[in-house]
Amino acid sequence: MLFPIVKNTIPGVNNPRYLDFFGDFVFLPSYNSGYERFIFGPAFGLVFQWRFVG
């Protein structure tokens, strides 16, 4: 779900800005054994989008 920050940054052009958050699980392999031994690790972050709609 995108949260709108600014409706139109440049006047006369349809270009909104959005902010989003995400969470995911990733494979973290062992340094010595590779993918024979691994754990699941979390990944969190922000996504910034500046769309230009024509």
PDB file of N, CA and C in Angstrom:
ATOM      1  N   MET A   1       0.831  -1.156   0.000  1.00  0.00           N
ATOM      2  CA  MET A   1       0.000   0.000   0.000  1.00  0.00           C
ATOM      3  C   MET A   1       0.890   1.238   0.000  1.00  0.00           C
ATOM      4  N   LEU A   2       0.675   2.123  -0.940  1.00  0.00           N
ATOM      5  CA  LEU A   2       1.473   3.341  -1.049  1.00  0.00           C
ATOM      6  C   LEU A   2       0.783   4.494  -0.328  1.00  0.00           C
ATOM      7  N   PHE A   3       1.552   5.253   0.408  1.00  0.00           N
ATOM      8  CA  PHE A   3       1.045   6.418   1.113  1.00  0.00           C
ATOM      9  C   PHE A   3       1.458   7.667   0.355  1.00  0.00           C
ATOM     10  N   PRO A   4       0.511   8.468  -0.131  1.00  0.00           N
ATOM     11  CA  PRO A   4       0.877   9.657  -0.896  1.00  0.00           C
ATOM     12  C   PRO A   4       1.525  10.718   0.004  1.00  0.00           C
ATOM     13  N   ILE A   5       2.611  11.293  -0.495  1.00  0.00           N
ATOM     14  CA  ILE A   5       3.306  12.359   0.225  1.00  0.00           C
ATOM     15  C   ILE A   5       2.967  13.704  -0.399  1.00  0.00           C
ATOM     16  N   VAL A   6       3.188  13.826  -1.711  1.00  0.00           N
ATOM     17  CA  VAL A   6       2.936  15.058  -2.456  1.00  0.00           C
ATOM     18  C   VAL A   6       2.096  14.704  -3.667  1.00  0.00           C
ATOM     19  N   LYS A   7       1.047  15.466  -3.945  1.00  0.00           N
ATOM     20  CA  LYS A   7       0.166  15.160  -5.072  1.00  0.00           C
ATOM     21  C   LYS A   7       0.829  15.484  -6.408  1.00  0.00           C
ATOM     22  N   ASN A   8       1.292  16.692  -6.611  1.00  0.00           N
ATOM     23  CA  ASN A   8       1.981  17.093  -7.838  1.00  0.00           C
ATOM     24  C   ASN A   8       3.184  17.938  -7.467  1.00  0.00           C
ATOM     25  N   THR A   9       4.371  17.393  -7.692  1.00  0.00           N
ATOM     26  CA  THR A   9       5.596  18.105  -7.352  1.00  0.00           C
ATOM     27  C   THR A   9       5.860  19.231  -8.353  1.00  0.00           C
ATOM     28  N   ILE A  10       5.737  18.934  -9.640  1.00  0.00           N
ATOM     29  CA  ILE A  10       5.927  19.923 -10.697  1.00  0.00           C
ATOM     30  C   ILE A  10       4.540  20.332 -11.190  1.00  0.00           C
ATOM     31  N   PRO A  11       4.169  21.617 -11.098  1.00  0.00           N
ATOM     32  CA  PRO A  11       2.831  22.034 -11.537  1.00  0.00           C
ATOM     33  C   PRO A  11       2.605  21.762 -13.027  1.00  0.00           C
ATOM     34  N   GLY A  12       1.418  21.277 -13.355  1.00  0.00           N
ATOM     35  CA  GLY A  12       1.064  20.994 -14.742  1.00  0.00           C
ATOM     36  C   GLY A  12       1.423  19.600 -15.209  1.00  0.00           C
ATOM     37  N   VAL A  13       2.141  18.832 -14.391  1.00  0.00           N
ATOM     38  CA  VAL A  13       2.525  17.465 -14.747  1.00  0.00           C
ATOM     39  C   VAL A  13       1.959  16.544 -13.665  1.00  0.00           C
ATOM     40  N   ASN A  14       1.392  15.410 -14.076  1.00  0.00           N
ATOM     41  CA  ASN A  14       0.849  14.449 -13.120  1.00  0.00           C
ATOM     42  C   ASN A  14       1.998  13.598 -12.581  1.00  0.00           C
ATOM     43  N   ASN A  15       2.584  14.023 -11.446  1.00  0.00           N
ATOM     44  CA  ASN A  15       3.755  13.330 -10.906  1.00  0.00           C
ATOM     45  C   ASN A  15       3.705  13.241  -9.380  1.00  0.00           C
ATOM     46  N   PRO A  16       2.910  12.333  -8.832  1.00  0.00           N
ATOM     47  CA  PRO A  16       2.823  12.203  -7.373  1.00  0.00           C
ATOM     48  C   PRO A  16       4.034  11.478  -6.787  1.00  0.00           C
ATOM     49  N   ARG A  17       4.255  11.701  -5.491  1.00  0.00           N
ATOM     50  CA  ARG A  17       5.299  11.000  -4.745  1.00  0.00           C
ATOM     51  C   ARG A  17       4.633  10.130  -3.689  1.00  0.00           C
ATOM     52  N   TYR A  18       5.171   8.915  -3.512  1.00  0.00           N
ATOM     53  CA  TYR A  18       4.615   7.953  -2.567  1.00  0.00           C
ATOM     54  C   TYR A  18       5.706   7.402  -1.659  1.00  0.00           C
ATOM     55  N   LEU A  19       5.298   6.943  -0.483  1.00  0.00           N
ATOM     56  CA  LEU A  19       6.182   6.284   0.466  1.00  0.00           C
ATOM     57  C   LEU A  19       5.536   4.964   0.859  1.00  0.00           C
ATOM     58  N   ASP A  20       6.355   3.914   0.973  1.00  0.00           N
ATOM     59  CA  ASP A  20       5.855   2.593   1.313  1.00  0.00           C
ATOM     60  C   ASP A  20       6.854   1.913   2.240  1.00  0.00           C
ATOM     61  N   PHE A  21       6.394   0.939   3.002  1.00  0.00           N
ATOM     62  CA  PHE A  21       7.221   0.146   3.900  1.00  0.00           C
ATOM     63  C   PHE A  21       7.112  -1.307   3.475  1.00  0.00           C
ATOM     64  N   PHE A  22       8.190  -2.071   3.647  1.00  0.00           N
ATOM     65  CA  PHE A  22       8.119  -3.487   3.293  1.00  0.00           C
ATOM     66  C   PHE A  22       8.829  -4.326   4.344  1.00  0.00           C
ATOM     67  N   GLY A  23       8.451  -5.583   4.378  1.00  0.00           N
ATOM     68  CA  GLY A  23       9.087  -6.580   5.225  1.00  0.00           C
ATOM     69  C   GLY A  23       9.152  -7.888   4.472  1.00  0.00           C
ATOM     70  N   ASP A  24      10.238  -8.628   4.647  1.00  0.00           N
ATOM     71  CA  ASP A  24      10.421  -9.868   3.906  1.00  0.00           C
ATOM     72  C   ASP A  24      11.350 -10.779   4.697  1.00  0.00           C
ATOM     73  N   PHE A  25      11.389 -12.044   4.314  1.00  0.00           N
ATOM     74  CA  PHE A  25      12.335 -12.997   4.872  1.00  0.00           C
ATOM     75  C   PHE A  25      13.305 -13.412   3.777  1.00  0.00           C
ATOM     76  N   VAL A  26      14.580 -13.507   4.119  1.00  0.00           N
ATOM     77  CA  VAL A  26      15.609 -13.866   3.149  1.00  0.00           C
ATOM     78  C   VAL A  26      16.418 -15.051   3.689  1.00  0.00           C
ATOM     79  N   PHE A  27      17.032 -15.816   2.773  1.00  0.00           N
ATOM     80  CA  PHE A  27      17.950 -16.887   3.145  1.00  0.00           C
ATOM     81  C   PHE A  27      19.312 -16.274   3.469  1.00  0.00           C
ATOM     82  N   LEU A  28      19.864 -16.631   4.614  1.00  0.00           N
ATOM     83  CA  LEU A  28      21.210 -16.218   4.979  1.00  0.00           C
ATOM     84  C   LEU A  28      22.066 -17.471   5.073  1.00  0.00           C
ATOM     85  N   PRO A  29      22.871 -17.752   4.016  1.00  0.00           N
ATOM     86  CA  PRO A  29      23.673 -18.978   4.032  1.00  0.00           C
ATOM     87  C   PRO A  29      24.824 -18.888   5.029  1.00  0.00           C
ATOM     88  N   SER A  30      25.319 -20.044   5.421  1.00  0.00           N
ATOM     89  CA  SER A  30      26.469 -20.119   6.309  1.00  0.00           C
ATOM     90  C   SER A  30      27.726 -19.716   5.544  1.00  0.00           C
ATOM     91  N   TYR A  31      28.652 -19.056   6.224  1.00  0.00           N
ATOM     92  CA  TYR A  31      29.888 -18.625   5.566  1.00  0.00           C
ATOM     93  C   TYR A  31      30.750 -19.814   5.155  1.00  0.00           C
ATOM     94  N   ASN A  32      30.790 -20.858   5.991  1.00  0.00           N
ATOM     95  CA  ASN A  32      31.625 -22.030   5.711  1.00  0.00           C
ATOM     96  C   ASN A  32      30.908 -23.080   4.873  1.00  0.00           C
ATOM     97  N   SER A  33      29.626 -23.349   5.146  1.00  0.00           N
ATOM     98  CA  SER A  33      28.911 -24.463   4.519  1.00  0.00           C
ATOM     99  C   SER A  33      28.032 -24.049   3.353  1.00  0.00           C
ATOM    100  N   GLY A  34      27.886 -22.782   3.088  1.00  0.00           N
ATOM    101  CA  GLY A  34      27.014 -22.341   1.989  1.00  0.00           C
ATOM    102  C   GLY A  34      25.559 -22.592   2.330  1.00  0.00           C
ATOM    103  N   TYR A  35      24.814 -23.139   1.354  1.00  0.00           N
ATOM    104  CA  TYR A  35      23.382 -23.370   1.550  1.00  0.00           C
ATOM    105  C   TYR A  35      23.072 -24.714   2.226  1.00  0.00           C
ATOM    106  N   GLU A  36      24.094 -25.460   2.622  1.00  0.00           N
ATOM    107  CA  GLU A  36      23.828 -26.672   3.397  1.00  0.00           C
ATOM    108  C   GLU A  36      23.280 -26.316   4.776  1.00  0.00           C
ATOM    109  N   ARG A  37      23.759 -25.217   5.342  1.00  0.00           N
ATOM    110  CA  ARG A  37      23.263 -24.713   6.627  1.00  0.00           C
ATOM    111  C   ARG A  37      22.905 -23.247   6.421  1.00  0.00           C
ATOM    112  N   PHE A  38      21.645 -22.912   6.669  1.00  0.00           N
ATOM    113  CA  PHE A  38      21.213 -21.533   6.490  1.00  0.00           C
ATOM    114  C   PHE A  38      20.143 -21.193   7.519  1.00  0.00           C
ATOM    115  N   ILE A  39      19.874 -19.917   7.658  1.00  0.00           N
ATOM    116  CA  ILE A  39      18.800 -19.451   8.519  1.00  0.00           C
ATOM    117  C   ILE A  39      17.958 -18.453   7.729  1.00  0.00           C
ATOM    118  N   PHE A  40      16.742 -18.239   8.182  1.00  0.00           N
ATOM    119  CA  PHE A  40      15.899 -17.190   7.627  1.00  0.00           C
ATOM    120  C   PHE A  40      16.193 -15.891   8.380  1.00  0.00           C
ATOM    121  N   GLY A  41      16.343 -14.835   7.640  1.00  0.00           N
ATOM    122  CA  GLY A  41      16.581 -13.547   8.276  1.00  0.00           C
ATOM    123  C   GLY A  41      15.567 -12.526   7.810  1.00  0.00           C
ATOM    124  N   PRO A  42      15.209 -11.574   8.656  1.00  0.00           N
ATOM    125  CA  PRO A  42      14.242 -10.554   8.253  1.00  0.00           C
ATOM    126  C   PRO A  42      14.915  -9.421   7.477  1.00  0.00           C
ATOM    127  N   ALA A  43      14.135  -8.801   6.617  1.00  0.00           N
ATOM    128  CA  ALA A  43      14.577  -7.606   5.885  1.00  0.00           C
ATOM    129  C   ALA A  43      13.437  -6.594   5.941  1.00  0.00           C
ATOM    130  N   PHE A  44      13.755  -5.377   6.363  1.00  0.00           N
ATOM    131  CA  PHE A  44      12.771  -4.305   6.466  1.00  0.00           C
ATOM    132  C   PHE A  44      13.318  -3.076   5.750  1.00  0.00           C
ATOM    133  N   GLY A  45      12.418  -2.261   5.218  1.00  0.00           N
ATOM    134  CA  GLY A  45      12.906  -1.062   4.573  1.00  0.00           C
ATOM    135  C   GLY A  45      11.814  -0.127   4.116  1.00  0.00           C
ATOM    136  N   LEU A  46      12.247   0.958   3.472  1.00  0.00           N
ATOM    137  CA  LEU A  46      11.379   1.981   2.916  1.00  0.00           C
ATOM    138  C   LEU A  46      11.479   1.968   1.397  1.00  0.00           C
ATOM    139  N   VAL A  47      10.382   2.300   0.752  1.00  0.00           N
ATOM    140  CA  VAL A  47      10.358   2.449  -0.707  1.00  0.00           C
ATOM    141  C   VAL A  47       9.827   3.845  -1.000  1.00  0.00           C
ATOM    142  N   PHE A  48      10.569   4.597  -1.798  1.00  0.00           N
ATOM    143  CA  PHE A  48      10.152   5.926  -2.229  1.00  0.00           C
ATOM    144  C   PHE A  48       9.898   5.872  -3.728  1.00  0.00           C
ATOM    145  N   GLN A  49       8.728   6.323  -4.171  1.00  0.00           N
ATOM    146  CA  GLN A  49       8.390   6.335  -5.602  1.00  0.00           C
ATOM    147  C   GLN A  49       7.988   7.743  -6.028  1.00  0.00           C
ATOM    148  N   TRP A  50       8.539   8.154  -7.165  1.00  0.00           N
ATOM    149  CA  TRP A  50       8.163   9.411  -7.780  1.00  0.00           C
ATOM    150  C   TRP A  50       7.693   9.047  -9.175  1.00  0.00           C
ATOM    151  N   ARG A  51       6.383   9.046  -9.373  1.00  0.00           N
ATOM    152  CA  ARG A  51       5.789   8.567 -10.620  1.00  0.00           C
ATOM    153  C   ARG A  51       5.500   9.729 -11.559  1.00  0.00           C
ATOM    154  N   PHE A  52       5.761   9.496 -12.822  1.00  0.00           N
ATOM    155  CA  PHE A  52       5.378  10.432 -13.877  1.00  0.00           C
ATOM    156  C   PHE A  52       4.350   9.733 -14.752  1.00  0.00           C
ATOM    157  N   VAL A  53       3.097  10.149 -14.655  1.00  0.00           N
ATOM    158  CA  VAL A  53       1.983   9.510 -15.357  1.00  0.00           C
ATOM    159  C   VAL A  53       1.623  10.376 -16.549  1.00  0.00           C
ATOM    160  N   GLY A  54       1.620   9.754 -17.721  1.00  0.00           N
ATOM    161  CA  GLY A  54       1.342  10.515 -18.934  1.00  0.00           C
ATOM    162  C   GLY A  54      -0.067  10.398 -19.417  1.00  0.00           C
TER     163      GLY A  54
END
